[in-house]
PDB file of N, CA and C in Angstrom:
ATOM      1  N   UNK A   1       1.348  20.738  -5.011  1.00  0.00           N
ATOM      2  CA  UNK A   1       0.790  19.159  -4.001  1.00  0.00           C
ATOM      3  C   UNK A   1       0.781  18.216  -5.135  1.00  0.00           C
ATOM      4  N   UNK A   2       0.932  16.715  -5.058  1.00  0.00           N
ATOM      5  CA  UNK A   2      -0.191  16.524  -6.326  1.00  0.00           C
ATOM      6  C   UNK A   2      -1.127  15.000  -5.726  1.00  0.00           C
ATOM      7  N   UNK A   3      -1.729  14.763  -6.342  1.00  0.00           N
ATOM      8  CA  UNK A   3      -2.802  13.465  -5.123  1.00  0.00           C
ATOM      9  C   UNK A   3      -1.926  12.587  -6.365  1.00  0.00           C
ATOM     10  N   UNK A   4      -2.036  11.922  -5.824  1.00  0.00           N
ATOM     11  CA  UNK A   4      -1.467  10.250  -5.448  1.00  0.00           C
ATOM     12  C   UNK A   4      -2.213   8.772  -5.509  1.00  0.00           C
ATOM     13  N   UNK A   5      -3.747   9.189  -5.011  1.00  0.00           N
ATOM     14  CA  UNK A   5      -4.329   8.254  -5.083  1.00  0.00           C
ATOM     15  C   UNK A   5      -5.469   9.126  -3.969  1.00  0.00           C
ATOM     16  N   UNK A   6      -6.712   8.757  -5.042  1.00  0.00           N
ATOM     17  CA  UNK A   6      -8.496   9.309  -4.323  1.00  0.00           C
ATOM     18  C   UNK A   6      -9.392   8.168  -3.707  1.00  0.00           C
ATOM     19  N   UNK A   7     -10.200   8.136  -2.483  1.00  0.00           N
ATOM     20  CA  UNK A   7     -10.802   6.973  -2.189  1.00  0.00           C
ATOM     21  C   UNK A   7     -12.732   8.196  -2.679  1.00  0.00           C
ATOM     22  N   UNK A   8     -13.537   7.119  -1.187  1.00  0.00           N
ATOM     23  CA  UNK A   8     -14.505   8.420  -1.404  1.00  0.00           C
ATOM     24  C   UNK A   8     -14.353   8.666  -0.207  1.00  0.00           C
ATOM     25  N   UNK A   9     -13.161   8.116   0.395  1.00  0.00           N
ATOM     26  CA  UNK A   9     -13.263   9.235   1.990  1.00  0.00           C
ATOM     27  C   UNK A   9     -12.103   9.979   2.144  1.00  0.00           C
ATOM     28  N   UNK A  10     -10.483   9.598   1.482  1.00  0.00           N
ATOM     29  CA  UNK A  10      -9.809  10.420   1.658  1.00  0.00           C
ATOM     30  C   UNK A  10      -9.422  10.153   0.579  1.00  0.00           C
ATOM     31  N   UNK A  11      -7.909  11.200   0.261  1.00  0.00           N
ATOM     32  CA  UNK A  11      -7.012  11.719  -0.299  1.00  0.00           C
ATOM     33  C   UNK A  11      -5.587  11.378  -0.074  1.00  0.00           C
ATOM     34  N   UNK A  12      -4.682  10.832  -0.663  1.00  0.00           N
ATOM     35  CA  UNK A  12      -2.789  10.612  -0.288  1.00  0.00           C
ATOM     36  C   UNK A  12      -2.323  12.202  -1.459  1.00  0.00           C
ATOM     37  N   UNK A  13      -2.032  12.375  -0.859  1.00  0.00           N
ATOM     38  CA  UNK A  13      -1.488  13.054  -1.425  1.00  0.00           C
ATOM     39  C   UNK A  13       0.078  13.779  -0.490  1.00  0.00           C
ATOM     40  N   UNK A  14       0.686  14.022  -2.244  1.00  0.00           N
ATOM     41  CA  UNK A  14       2.561  14.640  -2.207  1.00  0.00           C
ATOM     42  C   UNK A  14       3.668  15.781  -2.262  1.00  0.00           C
ATOM     43  N   UNK A  15       3.673  16.394  -1.818  1.00  0.00           N
ATOM     44  CA  UNK A  15       4.674  18.047  -2.186  1.00  0.00           C
ATOM     45  C   UNK A  15       5.839  17.969  -2.724  1.00  0.00           C
ATOM     46  N   UNK A  16       5.804  17.754  -4.111  1.00  0.00           N
ATOM     47  CA  UNK A  16       6.786  17.735  -4.771  1.00  0.00           C
ATOM     48  C   UNK A  16       7.067  16.235  -5.663  1.00  0.00           C
ATOM     49  N   UNK A  17       8.572  16.220  -6.285  1.00  0.00           N
ATOM     50  CA  UNK A  17       7.956  14.345  -6.559  1.00  0.00           C
ATOM     51  C   UNK A  17       9.220  13.533  -6.179  1.00  0.00           C
ATOM     52  N   UNK A  18       9.956  14.018  -4.715  1.00  0.00           N
ATOM     53  CA  UNK A  18      10.129  12.601  -4.308  1.00  0.00           C
ATOM     54  C   UNK A  18       9.629  12.493  -3.223  1.00  0.00           C
ATOM     55  N   UNK A  19       9.622  11.124  -3.547  1.00  0.00           N
ATOM     56  CA  UNK A  19       8.188  10.191  -2.356  1.00  0.00           C
ATOM     57  C   UNK A  19       9.329   9.382  -1.183  1.00  0.00           C
ATOM     58  N   UNK A  20       9.189   9.673  -0.577  1.00  0.00           N
ATOM     59  CA  UNK A  20       9.071   9.470   0.721  1.00  0.00           C
ATOM     60  C   UNK A  20       8.871   7.331   1.534  1.00  0.00           C
ATOM     61  N   UNK A  21       9.469   6.787   2.040  1.00  0.00           N
ATOM     62  CA  UNK A  21       8.951   5.535   2.149  1.00  0.00           C
ATOM     63  C   UNK A  21       8.503   5.316   2.466  1.00  0.00           C
ATOM     64  N   UNK A  22       7.527   6.186   3.591  1.00  0.00           N
ATOM     65  CA  UNK A  22       6.534   5.583   4.043  1.00  0.00           C
ATOM     66  C   UNK A  22       4.808   6.330   2.999  1.00  0.00           C
ATOM     67  N   UNK A  23       5.636   6.769   2.089  1.00  0.00           N
ATOM     68  CA  UNK A  23       3.833   7.018   0.648  1.00  0.00           C
ATOM     69  C   UNK A  23       4.747   5.693   0.182  1.00  0.00           C
ATOM     70  N   UNK A  24       5.860   6.204   0.202  1.00  0.00           N
ATOM     71  CA  UNK A  24       5.829   4.501  -1.066  1.00  0.00           C
ATOM     72  C   UNK A  24       5.391   3.511  -0.425  1.00  0.00           C
ATOM     73  N   UNK A  25       5.852   3.073   1.031  1.00  0.00           N
ATOM     74  CA  UNK A  25       4.982   2.387   1.942  1.00  0.00           C
ATOM     75  C   UNK A  25       3.725   1.917   1.389  1.00  0.00           C
ATOM     76  N   UNK A  26       2.968   3.110   1.502  1.00  0.00           N
ATOM     77  CA  UNK A  26       1.373   3.819   1.834  1.00  0.00           C
ATOM     78  C   UNK A  26       1.070   2.907   0.197  1.00  0.00           C
ATOM     79  N   UNK A  27       1.319   4.229  -1.045  1.00  0.00           N
ATOM     80  CA  UNK A  27       0.372   3.490  -2.336  1.00  0.00           C
ATOM     81  C   UNK A  27       1.266   1.810  -2.552  1.00  0.00           C
ATOM     82  N   UNK A  28       1.942   1.550  -2.367  1.00  0.00           N
ATOM     83  CA  UNK A  28       2.158  -0.555  -2.134  1.00  0.00           C
ATOM     84  C   UNK A  28       1.286  -0.942  -1.274  1.00  0.00           C
ATOM     85  N   UNK A  29       1.113  -0.809  -0.297  1.00  0.00           N
ATOM     86  CA  UNK A  29      -0.501  -0.842   0.142  1.00  0.00           C
ATOM     87  C   UNK A  29      -1.548  -0.825  -0.272  1.00  0.00           C
ATOM     88  N   UNK A  30      -2.197  -0.086  -0.818  1.00  0.00           N
ATOM     89  CA  UNK A  30      -2.994   0.650  -2.064  1.00  0.00           C
ATOM     90  C   UNK A  30      -3.034  -0.301  -2.941  1.00  0.00           C
ATOM     91  N   UNK A  31      -1.703  -0.030  -3.464  1.00  0.00           N
ATOM     92  CA  UNK A  31      -2.384  -1.789  -5.318  1.00  0.00           C
ATOM     93  C   UNK A  31      -2.432  -2.401  -4.404  1.00  0.00           C
ATOM     94  N   UNK A  32      -1.436  -3.335  -3.236  1.00  0.00           N
ATOM     95  CA  UNK A  32      -1.514  -4.899  -2.851  1.00  0.00           C
ATOM     96  C   UNK A  32      -3.999  -5.119  -2.260  1.00  0.00           C
ATOM     97  N   UNK A  33      -3.764  -4.091  -2.007  1.00  0.00           N
ATOM     98  CA  UNK A  33      -5.653  -3.798  -1.795  1.00  0.00           C
ATOM     99  C   UNK A  33      -6.311  -3.378  -3.208  1.00  0.00           C
ATOM    100  N   UNK A  34      -6.190  -3.197  -4.269  1.00  0.00           N
ATOM    101  CA  UNK A  34      -7.244  -2.874  -5.392  1.00  0.00           C
ATOM    102  C   UNK A  34      -6.747  -4.674  -5.754  1.00  0.00           C
ATOM    103  N   UNK A  35      -5.904  -4.946  -6.054  1.00  0.00           N
ATOM    104  CA  UNK A  35      -5.786  -6.624  -5.923  1.00  0.00           C
ATOM    105  C   UNK A  35      -6.166  -7.472  -5.377  1.00  0.00           C
ATOM    106  N   UNK A  36      -7.105  -6.999  -5.091  1.00  0.00           N
ATOM    107  CA  UNK A  36      -7.952  -8.127  -3.276  1.00  0.00           C
ATOM    108  C   UNK A  36      -6.337  -9.387  -3.180  1.00  0.00           C
ATOM    109  N   UNK A  37      -5.628  -8.909  -3.341  1.00  0.00           N
ATOM    110  CA  UNK A  37      -3.861  -9.964  -2.446  1.00  0.00           C
ATOM    111  C   UNK A  37      -5.099 -11.156  -1.781  1.00  0.00           C
ATOM    112  N   UNK A  38      -4.669 -11.958  -1.806  1.00  0.00           N
ATOM    113  CA  UNK A  38      -4.794 -13.111  -1.210  1.00  0.00           C
ATOM    114  C   UNK A  38      -3.674 -13.392  -0.467  1.00  0.00           C
ATOM    115  N   UNK A  39      -3.544 -14.017   0.739  1.00  0.00           N
ATOM    116  CA  UNK A  39      -3.015 -13.708   2.021  1.00  0.00           C
ATOM    117  C   UNK A  39      -1.249 -14.063   1.484  1.00  0.00           C
ATOM    118  N   UNK A  40      -0.859 -15.615   0.505  1.00  0.00           N
ATOM    119  CA  UNK A  40       0.554 -15.530  -0.122  1.00  0.00           C
ATOM    120  C   UNK A  40       0.902 -15.016  -1.076  1.00  0.00           C
ATOM    121  N   UNK A  41      -0.004 -13.827  -1.038  1.00  0.00           N
ATOM    122  CA  UNK A  41       0.078 -12.779  -2.379  1.00  0.00           C
ATOM    123  C   UNK A  41       1.117 -11.338  -1.718  1.00  0.00           C
ATOM    124  N   UNK A  42       0.163 -11.418  -0.402  1.00  0.00           N
ATOM    125  CA  UNK A  42       1.035 -10.508   0.498  1.00  0.00           C
ATOM    126  C   UNK A  42       2.225 -11.168   1.062  1.00  0.00           C
ATOM    127  N   UNK A  43       1.929 -12.084   1.571  1.00  0.00           N
ATOM    128  CA  UNK A  43       3.439 -12.914   1.875  1.00  0.00           C
ATOM    129  C   UNK A  43       4.358 -12.677   0.686  1.00  0.00           C
ATOM    130  N   UNK A  44       4.230 -12.473  -0.179  1.00  0.00           N
ATOM    131  CA  UNK A  44       5.693 -12.400  -1.560  1.00  0.00           C
ATOM    132  C   UNK A  44       6.049 -11.924  -1.357  1.00  0.00           C
ATOM    133  N   UNK A  45       4.529 -10.848  -2.057  1.00  0.00           N
ATOM    134  CA  UNK A  45       5.031  -9.187  -2.447  1.00  0.00           C
ATOM    135  C   UNK A  45       5.909  -8.665  -1.066  1.00  0.00           C
ATOM    136  N   UNK A  46       5.663  -8.936   0.077  1.00  0.00           N
ATOM    137  CA  UNK A  46       6.140  -7.711   1.326  1.00  0.00           C
ATOM    138  C   UNK A  46       7.711  -8.723   1.151  1.00  0.00           C
ATOM    139  N   UNK A  47       7.848 -10.042   0.786  1.00  0.00           N
ATOM    140  CA  UNK A  47       8.941 -10.206   1.481  1.00  0.00           C
ATOM    141  C   UNK A  47       9.717  -9.874   0.089  1.00  0.00           C
ATOM    142  N   UNK A  48       9.333 -10.308  -1.295  1.00  0.00           N
ATOM    143  CA  UNK A  48      10.501 -10.146  -1.842  1.00  0.00           C
ATOM    144  C   UNK A  48      10.536  -8.020  -2.419  1.00  0.00           C
ATOM    145  N   UNK A  49      10.057  -6.931  -1.148  1.00  0.00           N
ATOM    146  CA  UNK A  49       9.855  -5.868  -1.581  1.00  0.00           C
ATOM    147  C   UNK A  49      10.927  -5.293   0.248  1.00  0.00           C
ATOM    148  N   UNK A  50      11.161  -6.339   0.786  1.00  0.00           N
ATOM    149  CA  UNK A  50      11.324  -6.496   2.859  1.00  0.00           C
ATOM    150  C   UNK A  50      10.652  -5.332   3.625  1.00  0.00           C
ATOM    151  N   UNK A  51       9.660  -5.182   2.406  1.00  0.00           N
ATOM    152  CA  UNK A  51       7.514  -4.491   3.142  1.00  0.00           C
ATOM    153  C   UNK A  51       7.696  -5.058   4.503  1.00  0.00           C
ATOM    154  N   UNK A  52       7.341  -4.419   5.775  1.00  0.00           N
ATOM    155  CA  UNK A  52       6.424  -4.660   7.320  1.00  0.00           C
ATOM    156  C   UNK A  52       4.723  -4.401   6.117  1.00  0.00           C
ATOM    157  N   UNK A  53       3.904  -5.718   6.664  1.00  0.00           N
ATOM    158  CA  UNK A  53       2.593  -5.170   6.102  1.00  0.00           C
ATOM    159  C   UNK A  53       2.076  -5.921   7.527  1.00  0.00           C
ATOM    160  N   UNK A  54       0.728  -5.761   7.618  1.00  0.00           N
ATOM    161  CA  UNK A  54      -0.314  -6.347   8.358  1.00  0.00           C
ATOM    162  C   UNK A  54      -1.232  -6.448   7.353  1.00  0.00           C
ATOM    163  N   UNK A  55      -1.452  -8.403   7.510  1.00  0.00           N
ATOM    164  CA  UNK A  55      -2.703  -8.715   6.506  1.00  0.00           C
ATOM    165  C   UNK A  55      -4.147  -8.000   6.807  1.00  0.00           C
ATOM    166  N   UNK A  56      -4.902  -7.708   5.353  1.00  0.00           N
ATOM    167  CA  UNK A  56      -5.745  -7.328   5.292  1.00  0.00           C
ATOM    168  C   UNK A  56      -6.604  -8.148   6.686  1.00  0.00           C
ATOM    169  N   UNK A  57      -7.600  -7.202   7.623  1.00  0.00           N
ATOM    170  CA  UNK A  57      -8.726  -7.333   8.572  1.00  0.00           C
ATOM    171  C   UNK A  57      -9.127  -8.984   7.646  1.00  0.00           C
ATOM    172  N   UNK A  58      -9.729  -9.773   9.000  1.00  0.00           N
ATOM    173  CA  UNK A  58     -10.018 -11.120   8.036  1.00  0.00           C
ATOM    174  C   UNK A  58      -9.160 -12.278   7.839  1.00  0.00           C
ATOM    175  N   UNK A  59      -7.699 -11.356   7.116  1.00  0.00           N
ATOM    176  CA  UNK A  59      -7.176 -12.364   7.164  1.00  0.00           C
ATOM    177  C   UNK A  59      -5.835 -12.716   7.730  1.00  0.00           C
ATOM    178  N   UNK A  60      -5.964 -13.776   7.729  1.00  0.00           N
ATOM    179  CA  UNK A  60      -4.696 -14.440   9.456  1.00  0.00           C
ATOM    180  C   UNK A  60      -3.635 -15.121   8.681  1.00  0.00           C
ATOM    181  N   UNK A  61      -2.844 -15.267   9.730  1.00  0.00           N
ATOM    182  CA  UNK A  61      -1.281 -15.401   8.902  1.00  0.00           C
ATOM    183  C   UNK A  61      -0.469 -16.884   9.194  1.00  0.00           C
TER     184      UNK A  61
END
């Protein structure tokens, strides 16, 4: 097992070297949250990466 990311309340781990799409999407979500991405950044990143993601709570579309 390999720790990919950890926070005070949870740990994201993967088994082996390959990462599933779900794990890759979760990593992208974590990175965008760490960047405190504004709504326009979320939309652009998701469009460029063909990634569906709900905006953070409190953000409007």
